[in-house]
Amino acid sequence: MLPVQYYIGLSAILFTLGALGVLVRRNAIVIFMSIELMLNSANLAFVSFARLHQDLGGQIFVFFVMAVAAAEVAVGLALIVTIFNTKHSIDIDQINNLKG
């Protein structure tokens, strides 16, 4: 059985990679996947702390975070498809041109 510090370290590394992906990349799908990576790293931290304290509260919270992430995927992909149909590109710099 691995110590909790390993899980927290992995969670921090995944969150950092996700944050770098959001800040550096220009493709909307890659940014979207980076946000999902950040949410999953937070889920890993919740589950590891729940395991450390022998409490199911963290795992229940993870269930709700996953439900919100699923709703985010549905709305986000719908927005990306709509932007692609309008601009024929999903470059973040061109989204600013959608102002009316």
N, C-alpha and C. Protein backbone atom coordinates (compact mmCIF):
# COMPACT_ATOMS: atom_id res chain seq x y z
N MET A 1 0.85 -1.18 0.00
CA MET A 1 0.00 0.00 0.00
C MET A 1 0.90 1.24 0.00
N LEU A 2 0.64 2.15 -0.95
CA LEU A 2 1.45 3.35 -1.08
C LEU A 2 1.03 4.41 -0.07
N PRO A 3 1.98 5.21 0.39
CA PRO A 3 1.62 6.32 1.29
C PRO A 3 0.80 7.38 0.56
N VAL A 4 0.06 8.15 1.32
CA VAL A 4 -0.82 9.17 0.75
C VAL A 4 0.00 10.27 0.06
N GLN A 5 1.22 10.49 0.52
CA GLN A 5 2.05 11.55 -0.06
C GLN A 5 2.32 11.29 -1.55
N TYR A 6 2.41 10.05 -1.94
CA TYR A 6 2.63 9.72 -3.35
C TYR A 6 1.42 10.13 -4.19
N TYR A 7 0.24 9.86 -3.68
CA TYR A 7 -0.97 10.24 -4.39
C TYR A 7 -1.10 11.76 -4.49
N ILE A 8 -0.79 12.45 -3.41
CA ILE A 8 -0.87 13.92 -3.41
C ILE A 8 0.18 14.50 -4.36
N GLY A 9 1.37 13.91 -4.37
CA GLY A 9 2.40 14.36 -5.30
C GLY A 9 1.99 14.17 -6.75
N LEU A 10 1.41 13.01 -7.06
CA LEU A 10 0.91 12.75 -8.41
C LEU A 10 -0.20 13.72 -8.77
N SER A 11 -1.07 14.00 -7.80
CA SER A 11 -2.15 14.95 -8.03
C SER A 11 -1.60 16.35 -8.32
N ALA A 12 -0.58 16.76 -7.61
CA ALA A 12 0.02 18.07 -7.84
C ALA A 12 0.69 18.13 -9.22
N ILE A 13 1.36 17.06 -9.61
CA ILE A 13 1.99 17.03 -10.93
C ILE A 13 0.94 17.10 -12.03
N LEU A 14 -0.14 16.33 -11.89
CA LEU A 14 -1.20 16.35 -12.91
C LEU A 14 -1.87 17.72 -12.98
N PHE A 15 -2.09 18.35 -11.82
CA PHE A 15 -2.71 19.67 -11.81
C PHE A 15 -1.81 20.69 -12.48
N THR A 16 -0.51 20.60 -12.22
CA THR A 16 0.44 21.52 -12.84
C THR A 16 0.48 21.34 -14.35
N LEU A 17 0.48 20.10 -14.81
CA LEU A 17 0.44 19.84 -16.25
C LEU A 17 -0.84 20.39 -16.88
N GLY A 18 -1.97 20.23 -16.19
CA GLY A 18 -3.23 20.77 -16.69
C GLY A 18 -3.22 22.28 -16.75
N ALA A 19 -2.68 22.92 -15.72
CA ALA A 19 -2.62 24.38 -15.71
C ALA A 19 -1.70 24.90 -16.80
N LEU A 20 -0.58 24.22 -17.02
CA LEU A 20 0.32 24.62 -18.11
C LEU A 20 -0.35 24.44 -19.46
N GLY A 21 -1.13 23.37 -19.60
CA GLY A 21 -1.85 23.15 -20.85
C GLY A 21 -2.87 24.25 -21.12
N VAL A 22 -3.53 24.74 -20.08
CA VAL A 22 -4.50 25.82 -20.26
C VAL A 22 -3.79 27.12 -20.62
N LEU A 23 -2.67 27.38 -19.99
CA LEU A 23 -1.99 28.66 -20.19
C LEU A 23 -1.20 28.72 -21.50
N VAL A 24 -0.66 27.60 -21.96
CA VAL A 24 0.26 27.62 -23.09
C VAL A 24 -0.43 27.33 -24.42
N ARG A 25 -1.36 26.41 -24.45
CA ARG A 25 -1.93 25.95 -25.71
C ARG A 25 -2.97 26.92 -26.24
N ARG A 26 -3.20 26.89 -27.56
CA ARG A 26 -4.17 27.74 -28.22
C ARG A 26 -5.34 26.95 -28.78
N ASN A 27 -5.27 25.65 -28.80
CA ASN A 27 -6.34 24.83 -29.35
C ASN A 27 -7.40 24.61 -28.27
N ALA A 28 -8.66 24.83 -28.63
CA ALA A 28 -9.75 24.76 -27.65
C ALA A 28 -9.91 23.35 -27.09
N ILE A 29 -9.71 22.33 -27.90
CA ILE A 29 -9.88 20.96 -27.42
C ILE A 29 -8.78 20.59 -26.43
N VAL A 30 -7.55 21.04 -26.70
CA VAL A 30 -6.45 20.76 -25.77
C VAL A 30 -6.67 21.50 -24.46
N ILE A 31 -7.16 22.72 -24.53
CA ILE A 31 -7.46 23.47 -23.31
C ILE A 31 -8.57 22.76 -22.53
N PHE A 32 -9.56 22.27 -23.25
CA PHE A 32 -10.67 21.55 -22.63
C PHE A 32 -10.17 20.28 -21.93
N MET A 33 -9.28 19.55 -22.59
CA MET A 33 -8.72 18.34 -21.98
C MET A 33 -7.84 18.69 -20.78
N SER A 34 -7.17 19.82 -20.82
CA SER A 34 -6.33 20.24 -19.70
C SER A 34 -7.19 20.58 -18.47
N ILE A 35 -8.33 21.18 -18.71
CA ILE A 35 -9.25 21.47 -17.60
C ILE A 35 -9.76 20.16 -16.98
N GLU A 36 -10.06 19.19 -17.82
CA GLU A 36 -10.49 17.89 -17.31
C GLU A 36 -9.37 17.21 -16.51
N LEU A 37 -8.13 17.37 -16.95
CA LEU A 37 -6.99 16.82 -16.21
C LEU A 37 -6.87 17.48 -14.85
N MET A 38 -7.13 18.77 -14.77
CA MET A 38 -7.09 19.46 -13.49
C MET A 38 -8.20 18.97 -12.56
N LEU A 39 -9.39 18.76 -13.11
CA LEU A 39 -10.49 18.24 -12.29
C LEU A 39 -10.19 16.83 -11.78
N ASN A 40 -9.60 16.00 -12.62
CA ASN A 40 -9.28 14.64 -12.20
C ASN A 40 -8.16 14.62 -11.17
N SER A 41 -7.23 15.56 -11.25
CA SER A 41 -6.18 15.61 -10.22
C SER A 41 -6.77 16.03 -8.88
N ALA A 42 -7.74 16.92 -8.90
CA ALA A 42 -8.42 17.28 -7.65
C ALA A 42 -9.20 16.09 -7.11
N ASN A 43 -9.81 15.30 -7.99
CA ASN A 43 -10.51 14.09 -7.56
C ASN A 43 -9.56 13.10 -6.90
N LEU A 44 -8.37 12.96 -7.47
CA LEU A 44 -7.37 12.07 -6.87
C LEU A 44 -6.97 12.54 -5.48
N ALA A 45 -6.83 13.83 -5.30
CA ALA A 45 -6.51 14.36 -3.97
C ALA A 45 -7.65 14.11 -2.99
N PHE A 46 -8.90 14.31 -3.43
CA PHE A 46 -10.04 14.05 -2.55
C PHE A 46 -10.10 12.59 -2.12
N VAL A 47 -9.90 11.70 -3.07
CA VAL A 47 -9.98 10.27 -2.75
C VAL A 47 -8.83 9.86 -1.83
N SER A 48 -7.64 10.40 -2.05
CA SER A 48 -6.51 10.02 -1.20
C SER A 48 -6.70 10.55 0.22
N PHE A 49 -7.22 11.76 0.38
CA PHE A 49 -7.48 12.26 1.73
C PHE A 49 -8.63 11.50 2.39
N ALA A 50 -9.62 11.10 1.61
CA ALA A 50 -10.71 10.31 2.16
C ALA A 50 -10.19 8.95 2.65
N ARG A 51 -9.26 8.40 1.91
CA ARG A 51 -8.67 7.12 2.32
C ARG A 51 -7.82 7.30 3.58
N LEU A 52 -7.10 8.42 3.66
CA LEU A 52 -6.26 8.69 4.82
C LEU A 52 -7.09 8.81 6.09
N HIS A 53 -8.20 9.50 6.01
CA HIS A 53 -9.04 9.74 7.19
C HIS A 53 -10.15 8.71 7.37
N GLN A 54 -10.19 7.69 6.49
CA GLN A 54 -11.22 6.64 6.56
C GLN A 54 -12.63 7.25 6.59
N ASP A 55 -12.86 8.20 5.69
CA ASP A 55 -14.13 8.89 5.60
C ASP A 55 -14.63 8.83 4.16
N LEU A 56 -15.91 8.61 3.97
CA LEU A 56 -16.47 8.52 2.62
C LEU A 56 -16.87 9.88 2.06
N GLY A 57 -16.72 10.95 2.84
CA GLY A 57 -17.12 12.28 2.38
C GLY A 57 -16.37 12.72 1.14
N GLY A 58 -15.07 12.44 1.08
CA GLY A 58 -14.27 12.82 -0.08
C GLY A 58 -14.70 12.08 -1.33
N GLN A 59 -15.04 10.81 -1.17
CA GLN A 59 -15.46 10.03 -2.34
C GLN A 59 -16.84 10.46 -2.82
N ILE A 60 -17.69 10.87 -1.92
CA ILE A 60 -19.01 11.39 -2.32
C ILE A 60 -18.84 12.71 -3.05
N PHE A 61 -17.92 13.55 -2.57
CA PHE A 61 -17.64 14.81 -3.24
C PHE A 61 -17.09 14.58 -4.64
N VAL A 62 -16.25 13.56 -4.79
CA VAL A 62 -15.71 13.21 -6.11
C VAL A 62 -16.84 12.82 -7.06
N PHE A 63 -17.84 12.11 -6.56
CA PHE A 63 -18.98 11.73 -7.39
C PHE A 63 -19.67 12.97 -7.94
N PHE A 64 -19.86 13.99 -7.11
CA PHE A 64 -20.51 15.21 -7.58
C PHE A 64 -19.61 16.00 -8.53
N VAL A 65 -18.31 16.00 -8.30
CA VAL A 65 -17.39 16.66 -9.22
C VAL A 65 -17.42 15.98 -10.58
N MET A 66 -17.51 14.66 -10.59
CA MET A 66 -17.59 13.94 -11.86
C MET A 66 -18.90 14.24 -12.59
N ALA A 67 -19.98 14.42 -11.85
CA ALA A 67 -21.26 14.78 -12.48
C ALA A 67 -21.19 16.17 -13.11
N VAL A 68 -20.56 17.10 -12.41
CA VAL A 68 -20.39 18.45 -12.96
C VAL A 68 -19.47 18.41 -14.17
N ALA A 69 -18.42 17.58 -14.12
CA ALA A 69 -17.50 17.47 -15.24
C ALA A 69 -18.21 16.89 -16.47
N ALA A 70 -19.12 15.95 -16.26
CA ALA A 70 -19.87 15.40 -17.38
C ALA A 70 -20.77 16.46 -18.01
N ALA A 71 -21.39 17.29 -17.19
CA ALA A 71 -22.20 18.38 -17.73
C ALA A 71 -21.32 19.39 -18.46
N GLU A 72 -20.14 19.64 -17.93
CA GLU A 72 -19.21 20.56 -18.58
C GLU A 72 -18.78 20.03 -19.94
N VAL A 73 -18.56 18.74 -20.03
CA VAL A 73 -18.18 18.13 -21.30
C VAL A 73 -19.28 18.33 -22.33
N ALA A 74 -20.51 18.11 -21.93
CA ALA A 74 -21.62 18.26 -22.87
C ALA A 74 -21.74 19.69 -23.37
N VAL A 75 -21.69 20.65 -22.47
CA VAL A 75 -21.83 22.05 -22.86
C VAL A 75 -20.59 22.53 -23.61
N GLY A 76 -19.42 22.15 -23.13
CA GLY A 76 -18.18 22.60 -23.77
C GLY A 76 -18.03 22.07 -25.18
N LEU A 77 -18.32 20.81 -25.39
CA LEU A 77 -18.21 20.25 -26.73
C LEU A 77 -19.26 20.86 -27.67
N ALA A 78 -20.44 21.16 -27.14
CA ALA A 78 -21.45 21.82 -27.97
C ALA A 78 -20.97 23.21 -28.40
N LEU A 79 -20.33 23.93 -27.49
CA LEU A 79 -19.78 25.24 -27.84
C LEU A 79 -18.65 25.13 -28.86
N ILE A 80 -17.79 24.15 -28.68
CA ILE A 80 -16.68 23.97 -29.61
C ILE A 80 -17.20 23.62 -31.01
N VAL A 81 -18.20 22.75 -31.08
CA VAL A 81 -18.76 22.39 -32.39
C VAL A 81 -19.44 23.60 -33.04
N THR A 82 -20.14 24.39 -32.26
CA THR A 82 -20.79 25.58 -32.80
C THR A 82 -19.77 26.59 -33.30
N ILE A 83 -18.71 26.79 -32.55
CA ILE A 83 -17.66 27.72 -32.99
C ILE A 83 -16.98 27.19 -34.24
N PHE A 84 -16.75 25.89 -34.29
CA PHE A 84 -16.12 25.32 -35.49
C PHE A 84 -17.01 25.49 -36.71
N ASN A 85 -18.31 25.30 -36.55
CA ASN A 85 -19.22 25.48 -37.69
C ASN A 85 -19.28 26.93 -38.15
N THR A 86 -19.09 27.86 -37.22
CA THR A 86 -19.14 29.28 -37.57
C THR A 86 -17.83 29.76 -38.18
N LYS A 87 -16.71 29.43 -37.56
CA LYS A 87 -15.41 29.98 -37.97
C LYS A 87 -14.54 29.00 -38.75
N HIS A 88 -14.91 27.74 -38.81
CA HIS A 88 -14.12 26.69 -39.47
C HIS A 88 -12.73 26.54 -38.85
N SER A 89 -12.63 26.89 -37.59
CA SER A 89 -11.41 26.73 -36.82
C SER A 89 -11.78 26.78 -35.35
N ILE A 90 -10.98 26.15 -34.52
CA ILE A 90 -11.23 26.21 -33.08
C ILE A 90 -10.07 26.89 -32.37
N ASP A 91 -9.43 27.83 -33.06
CA ASP A 91 -8.34 28.60 -32.48
C ASP A 91 -8.92 29.61 -31.49
N ILE A 92 -8.34 29.67 -30.32
CA ILE A 92 -8.84 30.52 -29.25
C ILE A 92 -8.76 32.00 -29.63
N ASP A 93 -7.76 32.38 -30.40
CA ASP A 93 -7.61 33.79 -30.79
C ASP A 93 -8.75 34.27 -31.67
N GLN A 94 -9.37 33.38 -32.43
CA GLN A 94 -10.47 33.77 -33.30
C GLN A 94 -11.81 33.83 -32.58
N ILE A 95 -11.90 33.28 -31.39
CA ILE A 95 -13.15 33.31 -30.65
C ILE A 95 -13.49 34.73 -30.24
N ASN A 96 -12.48 35.56 -30.04
CA ASN A 96 -12.69 36.95 -29.67
C ASN A 96 -13.46 37.70 -30.75
N ASN A 97 -13.43 37.24 -31.99
CA ASN A 97 -14.13 37.89 -33.09
C ASN A 97 -15.62 37.59 -33.10
N LEU A 98 -16.13 36.81 -32.18
CA LEU A 98 -17.55 36.48 -32.15
C LEU A 98 -18.40 37.58 -31.50
N LYS A 99 -17.75 38.62 -31.00
CA LYS A 99 -18.49 39.71 -30.37
C LYS A 99 -19.37 40.38 -31.40
N GLY A 100 -20.62 40.72 -30.99
CA GLY A 100 -21.57 41.25 -31.94
C GLY A 100 -21.66 42.70 -32.04
